[in-house]
Amino acid sequence: MRVQHFERGVHYTDRDLLLIVRKIGALATHCKRVKDESSLIRIEAERRPTKKERDAVKVMVTVELPKKILRAESRRSDVVEAVDRCVEKLEPQLQRYKDMHSASGVHAGRRR
């Protein structure tokens, strides 16, 4: 698993960075292919000037897997909260991907 991280106007404490790494690492428990060398997780965080303070931080997480790209985006007041929400959004997507591409679920994803 390769992880790329980009940030614009956002600075993390060491504690925040550790929490983010743990949350992103938790995605690997849902699907073995996330751990492959061919997979890539890209995290983009930016602070934006907005009227609503709760939407000041925008985080986008992209998971590139063989034959599929999964994506989630969240706007929150804190980076850790936004990453947490992105992980919540990616979990069902990863489960569908796993069901579709696992050996036992090859036919589960096809429509009749």
PDB file of N, CA and C in Angstrom:
ATOM      1  N   MET A   1       0.855  -1.170   0.000  1.00  0.00           N
ATOM      2  CA  MET A   1       0.000   0.000   0.000  1.00  0.00           C
ATOM      3  C   MET A   1       0.900   1.231   0.000  1.00  0.00           C
ATOM      4  N   ARG A   2       0.665   2.089  -0.946  1.00  0.00           N
ATOM      5  CA  ARG A   2       1.375   3.357  -1.004  1.00  0.00           C
ATOM      6  C   ARG A   2       0.412   4.453  -0.575  1.00  0.00           C
ATOM      7  N   VAL A   3       0.910   5.398   0.193  1.00  0.00           N
ATOM      8  CA  VAL A   3       0.077   6.501   0.656  1.00  0.00           C
ATOM      9  C   VAL A   3       0.739   7.809   0.238  1.00  0.00           C
ATOM     10  N   GLN A   4      -0.025   8.647  -0.436  1.00  0.00           N
ATOM     11  CA  GLN A   4       0.430   9.987  -0.798  1.00  0.00           C
ATOM     12  C   GLN A   4      -0.391  10.982   0.011  1.00  0.00           C
ATOM     13  N   HIS A   5       0.266  12.019   0.474  1.00  0.00           N
ATOM     14  CA  HIS A   5      -0.429  12.998   1.302  1.00  0.00           C
ATOM     15  C   HIS A   5      -0.108  14.401   0.808  1.00  0.00           C
ATOM     16  N   PHE A   6      -1.132  15.194   0.607  1.00  0.00           N
ATOM     17  CA  PHE A   6      -0.974  16.575   0.159  1.00  0.00           C
ATOM     18  C   PHE A   6      -1.775  17.473   1.088  1.00  0.00           C
ATOM     19  N   GLU A   7      -1.191  18.585   1.453  1.00  0.00           N
ATOM     20  CA  GLU A   7      -1.903  19.502   2.335  1.00  0.00           C
ATOM     21  C   GLU A   7      -1.681  20.938   1.879  1.00  0.00           C
ATOM     22  N   ARG A   8      -2.741  21.716   1.973  1.00  0.00           N
ATOM     23  CA  ARG A   8      -2.685  23.136   1.613  1.00  0.00           C
ATOM     24  C   ARG A   8      -3.305  23.942   2.746  1.00  0.00           C
ATOM     25  N   GLY A   9      -2.481  24.680   3.434  1.00  0.00           N
ATOM     26  CA  GLY A   9      -2.984  25.529   4.512  1.00  0.00           C
ATOM     27  C   GLY A   9      -3.371  24.785   5.769  1.00  0.00           C
ATOM     28  N   VAL A  10      -3.025  23.498   5.854  1.00  0.00           N
ATOM     29  CA  VAL A  10      -3.366  22.684   7.016  1.00  0.00           C
ATOM     30  C   VAL A  10      -2.063  22.172   7.621  1.00  0.00           C
ATOM     31  N   HIS A  11      -1.932  22.310   8.922  1.00  0.00           N
ATOM     32  CA  HIS A  11      -0.748  21.803   9.608  1.00  0.00           C
ATOM     33  C   HIS A  11      -1.202  20.849  10.698  1.00  0.00           C
ATOM     34  N   TYR A  12      -0.530  19.703  10.778  1.00  0.00           N
ATOM     35  CA  TYR A  12      -0.905  18.668  11.740  1.00  0.00           C
ATOM     36  C   TYR A  12       0.048  18.649  12.920  1.00  0.00           C
ATOM     37  N   THR A  13      -0.497  18.278  14.056  1.00  0.00           N
ATOM     38  CA  THR A  13       0.364  17.942  15.182  1.00  0.00           C
ATOM     39  C   THR A  13       0.773  16.486  14.992  1.00  0.00           C
ATOM     40  N   ASP A  14       1.757  16.028  15.723  1.00  0.00           N
ATOM     41  CA  ASP A  14       2.180  14.628  15.629  1.00  0.00           C
ATOM     42  C   ASP A  14       1.046  13.692  16.033  1.00  0.00           C
ATOM     43  N   ARG A  15       0.271  14.100  17.008  1.00  0.00           N
ATOM     44  CA  ARG A  15      -0.863  13.294  17.473  1.00  0.00           C
ATOM     45  C   ARG A  15      -1.923  13.168  16.378  1.00  0.00           C
ATOM     46  N   ASP A  16      -2.224  14.273  15.705  1.00  0.00           N
ATOM     47  CA  ASP A  16      -3.198  14.249  14.611  1.00  0.00           C
ATOM     48  C   ASP A  16      -2.727  13.338  13.483  1.00  0.00           C
ATOM     49  N   LEU A  17      -1.455  13.441  13.142  1.00  0.00           N
ATOM     50  CA  LEU A  17      -0.912  12.625  12.062  1.00  0.00           C
ATOM     51  C   LEU A  17      -1.000  11.140  12.405  1.00  0.00           C
ATOM     52  N   LEU A  18      -0.716  10.784  13.642  1.00  0.00           N
ATOM     53  CA  LEU A  18      -0.807   9.403  14.080  1.00  0.00           C
ATOM     54  C   LEU A  18      -2.249   8.894  14.003  1.00  0.00           C
ATOM     55  N   LEU A  19      -3.203   9.720  14.414  1.00  0.00           N
ATOM     56  CA  LEU A  19      -4.621   9.337  14.335  1.00  0.00           C
ATOM     57  C   LEU A  19      -5.061   9.127  12.886  1.00  0.00           C
ATOM     58  N   ILE A  20      -4.612  10.006  12.003  1.00  0.00           N
ATOM     59  CA  ILE A  20      -4.971   9.891  10.588  1.00  0.00           C
ATOM     60  C   ILE A  20      -4.415   8.603  10.002  1.00  0.00           C
ATOM     61  N   VAL A  21      -3.167   8.287  10.324  1.00  0.00           N
ATOM     62  CA  VAL A  21      -2.542   7.061   9.815  1.00  0.00           C
ATOM     63  C   VAL A  21      -3.301   5.834  10.307  1.00  0.00           C
ATOM     64  N   ARG A  22      -3.706   5.829  11.559  1.00  0.00           N
ATOM     65  CA  ARG A  22      -4.471   4.699  12.099  1.00  0.00           C
ATOM     66  C   ARG A  22      -5.813   4.542  11.380  1.00  0.00           C
ATOM     67  N   LYS A  23      -6.488   5.653  11.155  1.00  0.00           N
ATOM     68  CA  LYS A  23      -7.795   5.589  10.501  1.00  0.00           C
ATOM     69  C   LYS A  23      -7.678   5.091   9.062  1.00  0.00           C
ATOM     70  N   ILE A  24      -6.668   5.566   8.348  1.00  0.00           N
ATOM     71  CA  ILE A  24      -6.463   5.120   6.972  1.00  0.00           C
ATOM     72  C   ILE A  24      -6.021   3.659   6.958  1.00  0.00           C
ATOM     73  N   GLY A  25      -5.188   3.275   7.903  1.00  0.00           N
ATOM     74  CA  GLY A  25      -4.744   1.888   7.996  1.00  0.00           C
ATOM     75  C   GLY A  25      -5.895   0.936   8.284  1.00  0.00           C
ATOM     76  N   ALA A  26      -6.923   1.431   8.946  1.00  0.00           N
ATOM     77  CA  ALA A  26      -8.085   0.595   9.242  1.00  0.00           C
ATOM     78  C   ALA A  26      -8.816   0.173   7.972  1.00  0.00           C
ATOM     79  N   LEU A  27      -8.659   0.930   6.894  1.00  0.00           N
ATOM     80  CA  LEU A  27      -9.299   0.550   5.630  1.00  0.00           C
ATOM     81  C   LEU A  27      -8.766  -0.783   5.121  1.00  0.00           C
ATOM     82  N   ALA A  28      -7.510  -1.085   5.434  1.00  0.00           N
ATOM     83  CA  ALA A  28      -6.903  -2.333   4.966  1.00  0.00           C
ATOM     84  C   ALA A  28      -7.554  -3.560   5.596  1.00  0.00           C
ATOM     85  N   THR A  29      -8.235  -3.389   6.721  1.00  0.00           N
ATOM     86  CA  THR A  29      -8.898  -4.537   7.345  1.00  0.00           C
ATOM     87  C   THR A  29     -10.133  -4.970   6.558  1.00  0.00           C
ATOM     88  N   HIS A  30     -10.645  -4.098   5.711  1.00  0.00           N
ATOM     89  CA  HIS A  30     -11.844  -4.420   4.944  1.00  0.00           C
ATOM     90  C   HIS A  30     -11.551  -5.187   3.663  1.00  0.00           C
ATOM     91  N   CYS A  31     -10.361  -5.020   3.126  1.00  0.00           N
ATOM     92  CA  CYS A  31     -10.043  -5.634   1.839  1.00  0.00           C
ATOM     93  C   CYS A  31      -8.532  -5.857   1.736  1.00  0.00           C
ATOM     94  N   LYS A  32      -8.128  -7.089   1.410  1.00  0.00           N
ATOM     95  CA  LYS A  32      -6.705  -7.418   1.290  1.00  0.00           C
ATOM     96  C   LYS A  32      -6.015  -6.615   0.198  1.00  0.00           C
ATOM     97  N   ARG A  33      -6.724  -6.284  -0.845  1.00  0.00           N
ATOM     98  CA  ARG A  33      -6.113  -5.598  -1.981  1.00  0.00           C
ATOM     99  C   ARG A  33      -5.652  -4.185  -1.657  1.00  0.00           C
ATOM    100  N   VAL A  34      -6.141  -3.624  -0.569  1.00  0.00           N
ATOM    101  CA  VAL A  34      -5.683  -2.300  -0.155  1.00  0.00           C
ATOM    102  C   VAL A  34      -4.214  -2.379   0.266  1.00  0.00           C
ATOM    103  N   LYS A  35      -3.792  -3.532   0.774  1.00  0.00           N
ATOM    104  CA  LYS A  35      -2.412  -3.717   1.223  1.00  0.00           C
ATOM    105  C   LYS A  35      -1.446  -3.993   0.076  1.00  0.00           C
ATOM    106  N   ASP A  36      -1.926  -4.313  -1.116  1.00  0.00           N
ATOM    107  CA  ASP A  36      -1.069  -4.632  -2.264  1.00  0.00           C
ATOM    108  C   ASP A  36      -0.210  -3.441  -2.661  1.00  0.00           C
ATOM    109  N   GLU A  37       0.898  -3.752  -3.326  1.00  0.00           N
ATOM    110  CA  GLU A  37       1.761  -2.693  -3.846  1.00  0.00           C
ATOM    111  C   GLU A  37       1.081  -1.912  -4.959  1.00  0.00           C
ATOM    112  N   SER A  38       0.146  -2.544  -5.641  1.00  0.00           N
ATOM    113  CA  SER A  38      -0.529  -1.879  -6.756  1.00  0.00           C
ATOM    114  C   SER A  38      -1.581  -0.872  -6.293  1.00  0.00           C
ATOM    115  N   SER A  39      -1.916  -0.890  -5.015  1.00  0.00           N
ATOM    116  CA  SER A  39      -2.924   0.050  -4.520  1.00  0.00           C
ATOM    117  C   SER A  39      -2.268   1.343  -4.039  1.00  0.00           C
ATOM    118  N   LEU A  40      -3.029   2.408  -4.127  1.00  0.00           N
ATOM    119  CA  LEU A  40      -2.550   3.734  -3.737  1.00  0.00           C
ATOM    120  C   LEU A  40      -3.656   4.451  -2.982  1.00  0.00           C
ATOM    121  N   ILE A  41      -3.299   5.054  -1.878  1.00  0.00           N
ATOM    122  CA  ILE A  41      -4.245   5.885  -1.133  1.00  0.00           C
ATOM    123  C   ILE A  41      -3.708   7.302  -1.163  1.00  0.00           C
ATOM    124  N   ARG A  42      -4.536   8.211  -1.636  1.00  0.00           N
ATOM    125  CA  ARG A  42      -4.141   9.619  -1.766  1.00  0.00           C
ATOM    126  C   ARG A  42      -5.035  10.439  -0.851  1.00  0.00           C
ATOM    127  N   ILE A  43      -4.407  11.219   0.028  1.00  0.00           N
ATOM    128  CA  ILE A  43      -5.142  12.057   0.963  1.00  0.00           C
ATOM    129  C   ILE A  43      -4.803  13.509   0.654  1.00  0.00           C
ATOM    130  N   GLU A  44      -5.827  14.297   0.387  1.00  0.00           N
ATOM    131  CA  GLU A  44      -5.644  15.721   0.128  1.00  0.00           C
ATOM    132  C   GLU A  44      -6.439  16.499   1.166  1.00  0.00           C
ATOM    133  N   ALA A  45      -5.768  17.420   1.825  1.00  0.00           N
ATOM    134  CA  ALA A  45      -6.426  18.254   2.834  1.00  0.00           C
ATOM    135  C   ALA A  45      -6.138  19.707   2.526  1.00  0.00           C
ATOM    136  N   GLU A  46      -7.169  20.521   2.630  1.00  0.00           N
ATOM    137  CA  GLU A  46      -6.961  21.951   2.413  1.00  0.00           C
ATOM    138  C   GLU A  46      -7.870  22.766   3.318  1.00  0.00           C
ATOM    139  N   ARG A  47      -7.355  23.861   3.760  1.00  0.00           N
ATOM    140  CA  ARG A  47      -8.146  24.811   4.551  1.00  0.00           C
ATOM    141  C   ARG A  47      -8.662  25.866   3.590  1.00  0.00           C
ATOM    142  N   ARG A  48      -9.960  26.132   3.675  1.00  0.00           N
ATOM    143  CA  ARG A  48     -10.586  27.074   2.756  1.00  0.00           C
ATOM    144  C   ARG A  48     -11.274  28.179   3.537  1.00  0.00           C
ATOM    145  N   PRO A  49     -11.253  29.368   3.007  1.00  0.00           N
ATOM    146  CA  PRO A  49     -11.990  30.451   3.675  1.00  0.00           C
ATOM    147  C   PRO A  49     -13.487  30.309   3.377  1.00  0.00           C
ATOM    148  N   THR A  50     -14.249  29.993   4.381  1.00  0.00           N
ATOM    149  CA  THR A  50     -15.688  29.824   4.199  1.00  0.00           C
ATOM    150  C   THR A  50     -16.441  30.633   5.249  1.00  0.00           C
ATOM    151  N   LYS A  51     -17.702  30.877   4.976  1.00  0.00           N
ATOM    152  CA  LYS A  51     -18.537  31.577   5.947  1.00  0.00           C
ATOM    153  C   LYS A  51     -18.827  30.667   7.143  1.00  0.00           C
ATOM    154  N   LYS A  52     -18.998  29.378   6.861  1.00  0.00           N
ATOM    155  CA  LYS A  52     -19.276  28.419   7.927  1.00  0.00           C
ATOM    156  C   LYS A  52     -17.961  27.841   8.427  1.00  0.00           C
ATOM    157  N   GLU A  53     -17.663  28.050   9.670  1.00  0.00           N
ATOM    158  CA  GLU A  53     -16.411  27.546  10.253  1.00  0.00           C
ATOM    159  C   GLU A  53     -16.365  26.019  10.246  1.00  0.00           C
ATOM    160  N   ARG A  54     -17.526  25.377  10.326  1.00  0.00           N
ATOM    161  CA  ARG A  54     -17.542  23.918  10.365  1.00  0.00           C
ATOM    162  C   ARG A  54     -17.163  23.287   9.020  1.00  0.00           C
ATOM    163  N   ASP A  55     -17.132  24.076   7.962  1.00  0.00           N
ATOM    164  CA  ASP A  55     -16.745  23.577   6.642  1.00  0.00           C
ATOM    165  C   ASP A  55     -15.365  24.063   6.209  1.00  0.00           C
ATOM    166  N   ALA A  56     -14.564  24.531   7.143  1.00  0.00           N
ATOM    167  CA  ALA A  56     -13.294  25.173   6.794  1.00  0.00           C
ATOM    168  C   ALA A  56     -12.250  24.213   6.238  1.00  0.00           C
ATOM    169  N   VAL A  57     -12.291  22.941   6.655  1.00  0.00           N
ATOM    170  CA  VAL A  57     -11.300  21.971   6.201  1.00  0.00           C
ATOM    171  C   VAL A  57     -11.968  20.968   5.264  1.00  0.00           C
ATOM    172  N   LYS A  58     -11.382  20.822   4.099  1.00  0.00           N
ATOM    173  CA  LYS A  58     -11.901  19.878   3.113  1.00  0.00           C
ATOM    174  C   LYS A  58     -10.867  18.771   2.944  1.00  0.00           C
ATOM    175  N   VAL A  59     -11.300  17.519   3.088  1.00  0.00           N
ATOM    176  CA  VAL A  59     -10.413  16.364   2.939  1.00  0.00           C
ATOM    177  C   VAL A  59     -10.985  15.463   1.860  1.00  0.00           C
ATOM    178  N   MET A  60     -10.115  15.052   0.940  1.00  0.00           N
ATOM    179  CA  MET A  60     -10.495  14.119  -0.117  1.00  0.00           C
ATOM    180  C   MET A  60      -9.585  12.902  -0.014  1.00  0.00           C
ATOM    181  N   VAL A  61     -10.171  11.719   0.026  1.00  0.00           N
ATOM    182  CA  VAL A  61      -9.403  10.479   0.092  1.00  0.00           C
ATOM    183  C   VAL A  61      -9.752   9.667  -1.142  1.00  0.00           C
ATOM    184  N   THR A  62      -8.718   9.286  -1.888  1.00  0.00           N
ATOM    185  CA  THR A  62      -8.888   8.483  -3.091  1.00  0.00           C
ATOM    186  C   THR A  62      -8.133   7.172  -2.892  1.00  0.00           C
ATOM    187  N   VAL A  63      -8.805   6.055  -3.132  1.00  0.00           N
ATOM    188  CA  VAL A  63      -8.191   4.735  -3.026  1.00  0.00           C
ATOM    189  C   VAL A  63      -8.188   4.133  -4.419  1.00  0.00           C
ATOM    190  N   GLU A  64      -6.994   3.935  -4.971  1.00  0.00           N
ATOM    191  CA  GLU A  64      -6.862   3.331  -6.296  1.00  0.00           C
ATOM    192  C   GLU A  64      -6.542   1.858  -6.114  1.00  0.00           C
ATOM    193  N   LEU A  65      -7.448   1.019  -6.572  1.00  0.00           N
ATOM    194  CA  LEU A  65      -7.308  -0.431  -6.497  1.00  0.00           C
ATOM    195  C   LEU A  65      -7.273  -0.995  -7.914  1.00  0.00           C
ATOM    196  N   PRO A  66      -6.863  -2.242  -8.071  1.00  0.00           N
ATOM    197  CA  PRO A  66      -6.930  -2.831  -9.408  1.00  0.00           C
ATOM    198  C   PRO A  66      -8.373  -2.801  -9.942  1.00  0.00           C
ATOM    199  N   LYS A  67      -8.555  -2.218 -11.094  1.00  0.00           N
ATOM    200  CA  LYS A  67      -9.846  -2.139 -11.795  1.00  0.00           C
ATOM    201  C   LYS A  67     -10.870  -1.194 -11.163  1.00  0.00           C
ATOM    202  N   LYS A  68     -10.476  -0.392 -10.144  1.00  0.00           N
ATOM    203  CA  LYS A  68     -11.465   0.459  -9.492  1.00  0.00           C
ATOM    204  C   LYS A  68     -10.796   1.620  -8.760  1.00  0.00           C
ATOM    205  N   ILE A  69     -11.455   2.762  -8.746  1.00  0.00           N
ATOM    206  CA  ILE A  69     -11.021   3.914  -7.967  1.00  0.00           C
ATOM    207  C   ILE A  69     -12.180   4.301  -7.047  1.00  0.00           C
ATOM    208  N   LEU A  70     -11.910   4.337  -5.753  1.00  0.00           N
ATOM    209  CA  LEU A  70     -12.914   4.712  -4.767  1.00  0.00           C
ATOM    210  C   LEU A  70     -12.558   6.092  -4.238  1.00  0.00           C
ATOM    211  N   ARG A  71     -13.574   6.896  -3.930  1.00  0.00           N
ATOM    212  CA  ARG A  71     -13.317   8.270  -3.520  1.00  0.00           C
ATOM    213  C   ARG A  71     -14.327   8.712  -2.474  1.00  0.00           C
ATOM    214  N   ALA A  72     -13.848   9.527  -1.533  1.00  0.00           N
ATOM    215  CA  ALA A  72     -14.729  10.119  -0.530  1.00  0.00           C
ATOM    216  C   ALA A  72     -14.227  11.526  -0.225  1.00  0.00           C
ATOM    217  N   GLU A  73     -15.151  12.395   0.102  1.00  0.00           N
ATOM    218  CA  GLU A  73     -14.820  13.790   0.398  1.00  0.00           C
ATOM    219  C   GLU A  73     -15.650  14.232   1.595  1.00  0.00           C
ATOM    220  N   SER A  74     -15.041  15.053   2.444  1.00  0.00           N
ATOM    221  CA  SER A  74     -15.758  15.542   3.607  1.00  0.00           C
ATOM    222  C   SER A  74     -15.273  16.945   3.957  1.00  0.00           C
ATOM    223  N   ARG A  75     -16.181  17.737   4.481  1.00  0.00           N
ATOM    224  CA  ARG A  75     -15.855  19.087   4.950  1.00  0.00           C
ATOM    225  C   ARG A  75     -16.225  19.168   6.425  1.00  0.00           C
ATOM    226  N   ARG A  76     -15.246  19.477   7.238  1.00  0.00           N
ATOM    227  CA  ARG A  76     -15.451  19.583   8.674  1.00  0.00           C
ATOM    228  C   ARG A  76     -14.600  20.717   9.220  1.00  0.00           C
ATOM    229  N   SER A  77     -14.695  20.960  10.498  1.00  0.00           N
ATOM    230  CA  SER A  77     -13.886  22.009  11.126  1.00  0.00           C
ATOM    231  C   SER A  77     -12.501  21.503  11.498  1.00  0.00           C
ATOM    232  N   ASP A  78     -12.329  20.183  11.586  1.00  0.00           N
ATOM    233  CA  ASP A  78     -11.074  19.581  12.005  1.00  0.00           C
ATOM    234  C   ASP A  78     -10.661  18.499  11.005  1.00  0.00           C
ATOM    235  N   VAL A  79      -9.374  18.369  10.756  1.00  0.00           N
ATOM    236  CA  VAL A  79      -8.873  17.392   9.782  1.00  0.00           C
ATOM    237  C   VAL A  79      -9.188  15.971  10.214  1.00  0.00           C
ATOM    238  N   VAL A  80      -9.005  15.671  11.481  1.00  0.00           N
ATOM    239  CA  VAL A  80      -9.239  14.307  11.967  1.00  0.00           C
ATOM    240  C   VAL A  80     -10.707  13.921  11.799  1.00  0.00           C
ATOM    241  N   GLU A  81     -11.607  14.835  12.091  1.00  0.00           N
ATOM    242  CA  GLU A  81     -13.039  14.569  11.902  1.00  0.00           C
ATOM    243  C   GLU A  81     -13.354  14.317  10.429  1.00  0.00           C
ATOM    244  N   ALA A  82     -12.755  15.095   9.555  1.00  0.00           N
ATOM    245  CA  ALA A  82     -13.003  14.946   8.121  1.00  0.00           C
ATOM    246  C   ALA A  82     -12.467  13.613   7.615  1.00  0.00           C
ATOM    247  N   VAL A  83     -11.286  13.214   8.063  1.00  0.00           N
ATOM    248  CA  VAL A  83     -10.728  11.915   7.657  1.00  0.00           C
ATOM    249  C   VAL A  83     -11.602  10.788   8.187  1.00  0.00           C
ATOM    250  N   ASP A  84     -12.069  10.918   9.411  1.00  0.00           N
ATOM    251  CA  ASP A  84     -12.944   9.907  10.004  1.00  0.00           C
ATOM    252  C   ASP A  84     -14.208   9.732   9.170  1.00  0.00           C
ATOM    253  N   ARG A  85     -14.795  10.831   8.750  1.00  0.00           N
ATOM    254  CA  ARG A  85     -16.006  10.774   7.913  1.00  0.00           C
ATOM    255  C   ARG A  85     -15.706  10.147   6.558  1.00  0.00           C
ATOM    256  N   CYS A  86     -14.550  10.453   5.978  1.00  0.00           N
ATOM    257  CA  CYS A  86     -14.159   9.851   4.699  1.00  0.00           C
ATOM    258  C   CYS A  86     -14.012   8.342   4.839  1.00  0.00           C
ATOM    259  N   VAL A  87     -13.419   7.895   5.941  1.00  0.00           N
ATOM    260  CA  VAL A  87     -13.260   6.459   6.176  1.00  0.00           C
ATOM    261  C   VAL A  87     -14.626   5.798   6.293  1.00  0.00           C
ATOM    262  N   GLU A  88     -15.557   6.454   6.982  1.00  0.00           N
ATOM    263  CA  GLU A  88     -16.923   5.920   7.095  1.00  0.00           C
ATOM    264  C   GLU A  88     -17.566   5.773   5.721  1.00  0.00           C
ATOM    265  N   LYS A  89     -17.310   6.709   4.828  1.00  0.00           N
ATOM    266  CA  LYS A  89     -17.881   6.658   3.485  1.00  0.00           C
ATOM    267  C   LYS A  89     -17.202   5.591   2.627  1.00  0.00           C
ATOM    268  N   LEU A  90     -15.918   5.346   2.862  1.00  0.00           N
ATOM    269  CA  LEU A  90     -15.182   4.382   2.046  1.00  0.00           C
ATOM    270  C   LEU A  90     -15.436   2.929   2.453  1.00  0.00           C
ATOM    271  N   GLU A  91     -15.794   2.693   3.708  1.00  0.00           N
ATOM    272  CA  GLU A  91     -15.993   1.326   4.183  1.00  0.00           C
ATOM    273  C   GLU A  91     -17.026   0.559   3.358  1.00  0.00           C
ATOM    274  N   PRO A  92     -18.228   1.087   3.100  1.00  0.00           N
ATOM    275  CA  PRO A  92     -19.177   0.326   2.281  1.00  0.00           C
ATOM    276  C   PRO A  92     -18.702   0.172   0.829  1.00  0.00           C
ATOM    277  N   GLN A  93     -17.985   1.165   0.320  1.00  0.00           N
ATOM    278  CA  GLN A  93     -17.456   1.053  -1.036  1.00  0.00           C
ATOM    279  C   GLN A  93     -16.440  -0.087  -1.123  1.00  0.00           C
ATOM    280  N   LEU A  94     -15.584  -0.195  -0.113  1.00  0.00           N
ATOM    281  CA  LEU A  94     -14.609  -1.279  -0.079  1.00  0.00           C
ATOM    282  C   LEU A  94     -15.286  -2.627   0.071  1.00  0.00           C
ATOM    283  N   GLN A  95     -16.355  -2.684   0.847  1.00  0.00           N
ATOM    284  CA  GLN A  95     -17.077  -3.942   1.018  1.00  0.00           C
ATOM    285  C   GLN A  95     -17.694  -4.387  -0.308  1.00  0.00           C
ATOM    286  N   ARG A  96     -18.276  -3.452  -1.055  1.00  0.00           N
ATOM    287  CA  ARG A  96     -18.835  -3.794  -2.366  1.00  0.00           C
ATOM    288  C   ARG A  96     -17.737  -4.260  -3.320  1.00  0.00           C
ATOM    289  N   TYR A  97     -16.587  -3.574  -3.288  1.00  0.00           N
ATOM    290  CA  TYR A  97     -15.452  -3.954  -4.130  1.00  0.00           C
ATOM    291  C   TYR A  97     -14.989  -5.364  -3.776  1.00  0.00           C
ATOM    292  N   LYS A  98     -14.884  -5.642  -2.496  1.00  0.00           N
ATOM    293  CA  LYS A  98     -14.440  -6.959  -2.042  1.00  0.00           C
ATOM    294  C   LYS A  98     -15.423  -8.037  -2.482  1.00  0.00           C
ATOM    295  N   ASP A  99     -16.720  -7.776  -2.318  1.00  0.00           N
ATOM    296  CA  ASP A  99     -17.735  -8.746  -2.736  1.00  0.00           C
ATOM    297  C   ASP A  99     -17.688  -8.989  -4.237  1.00  0.00           C
ATOM    298  N   MET A 100     -17.410  -7.946  -4.985  1.00  0.00           N
ATOM    299  CA  MET A 100     -17.397  -8.043  -6.440  1.00  0.00           C
ATOM    300  C   MET A 100     -16.155  -8.775  -6.953  1.00  0.00           C
ATOM    301  N   HIS A 101     -15.016  -8.591  -6.284  1.00  0.00           N
ATOM    302  CA  HIS A 101     -13.758  -9.110  -6.808  1.00  0.00           C
ATOM    303  C   HIS A 101     -13.170 -10.277  -6.027  1.00  0.00           C
ATOM    304  N   SER A 102     -13.845 -10.750  -5.013  1.00  0.00           N
ATOM    305  CA  SER A 102     -13.315 -11.905  -4.285  1.00  0.00           C
ATOM    306  C   SER A 102     -13.671 -13.175  -5.035  1.00  0.00           C
ATOM    307  N   ALA A 103     -12.965 -14.237  -4.751  1.00  0.00           N
ATOM    308  CA  ALA A 103     -13.166 -15.507  -5.456  1.00  0.00           C
ATOM    309  C   ALA A 103     -14.574 -16.054  -5.224  1.00  0.00           C
ATOM    310  N   SER A 104     -15.087 -15.907  -3.998  1.00  0.00           N
ATOM    311  CA  SER A 104     -16.426 -16.423  -3.712  1.00  0.00           C
ATOM    312  C   SER A 104     -17.528 -15.500  -4.211  1.00  0.00           C
ATOM    313  N   GLY A 105     -17.180 -14.247  -4.477  1.00  0.00           N
ATOM    314  CA  GLY A 105     -18.197 -13.291  -4.893  1.00  0.00           C
ATOM    315  C   GLY A 105     -18.105 -12.902  -6.351  1.00  0.00           C
ATOM    316  N   VAL A 106     -17.480 -13.734  -7.185  1.00  0.00           N
ATOM    317  CA  VAL A 106     -17.316 -13.394  -8.597  1.00  0.00           C
ATOM    318  C   VAL A 106     -18.666 -13.202  -9.268  1.00  0.00           C
ATOM    319  N   HIS A 107     -19.600 -14.051  -8.947  1.00  0.00           N
ATOM    320  CA  HIS A 107     -20.915 -13.963  -9.595  1.00  0.00           C
ATOM    321  C   HIS A 107     -21.888 -13.101  -8.797  1.00  0.00           C
ATOM    322  N   ALA A 108     -21.514 -12.737  -7.600  1.00  0.00           N
ATOM    323  CA  ALA A 108     -22.424 -11.944  -6.758  1.00  0.00           C
ATOM    324  C   ALA A 108     -22.666 -10.564  -7.325  1.00  0.00           C
ATOM    325  N   GLY A 109     -21.708  -9.997  -8.022  1.00  0.00           N
ATOM    326  CA  GLY A 109     -21.846  -8.648  -8.543  1.00  0.00           C
ATOM    327  C   GLY A 109     -22.528  -8.563  -9.874  1.00  0.00           C
ATOM    328  N   ARG A 110     -22.718  -9.678 -10.553  1.00  0.00           N
ATOM    329  CA  ARG A 110     -23.357  -9.655 -11.868  1.00  0.00           C
ATOM    330  C   ARG A 110     -24.865  -9.571 -11.746  1.00  0.00           C
ATOM    331  N   ARG A 111     -25.437  -8.844 -12.650  1.00  0.00           N
ATOM    332  CA  ARG A 111     -26.907  -8.756 -12.687  1.00  0.00           C
ATOM    333  C   ARG A 111     -27.435  -9.765 -13.683  1.00  0.00           C
ATOM    334  N   ARG A 112     -28.570 -10.267 -13.387  1.00  0.00           N
ATOM    335  CA  ARG A 112     -29.188 -11.270 -14.290  1.00  0.00           C
ATOM    336  C   ARG A 112     -30.250 -10.652 -15.113  1.00  0.00           C
TER     337      ARG A 112
END
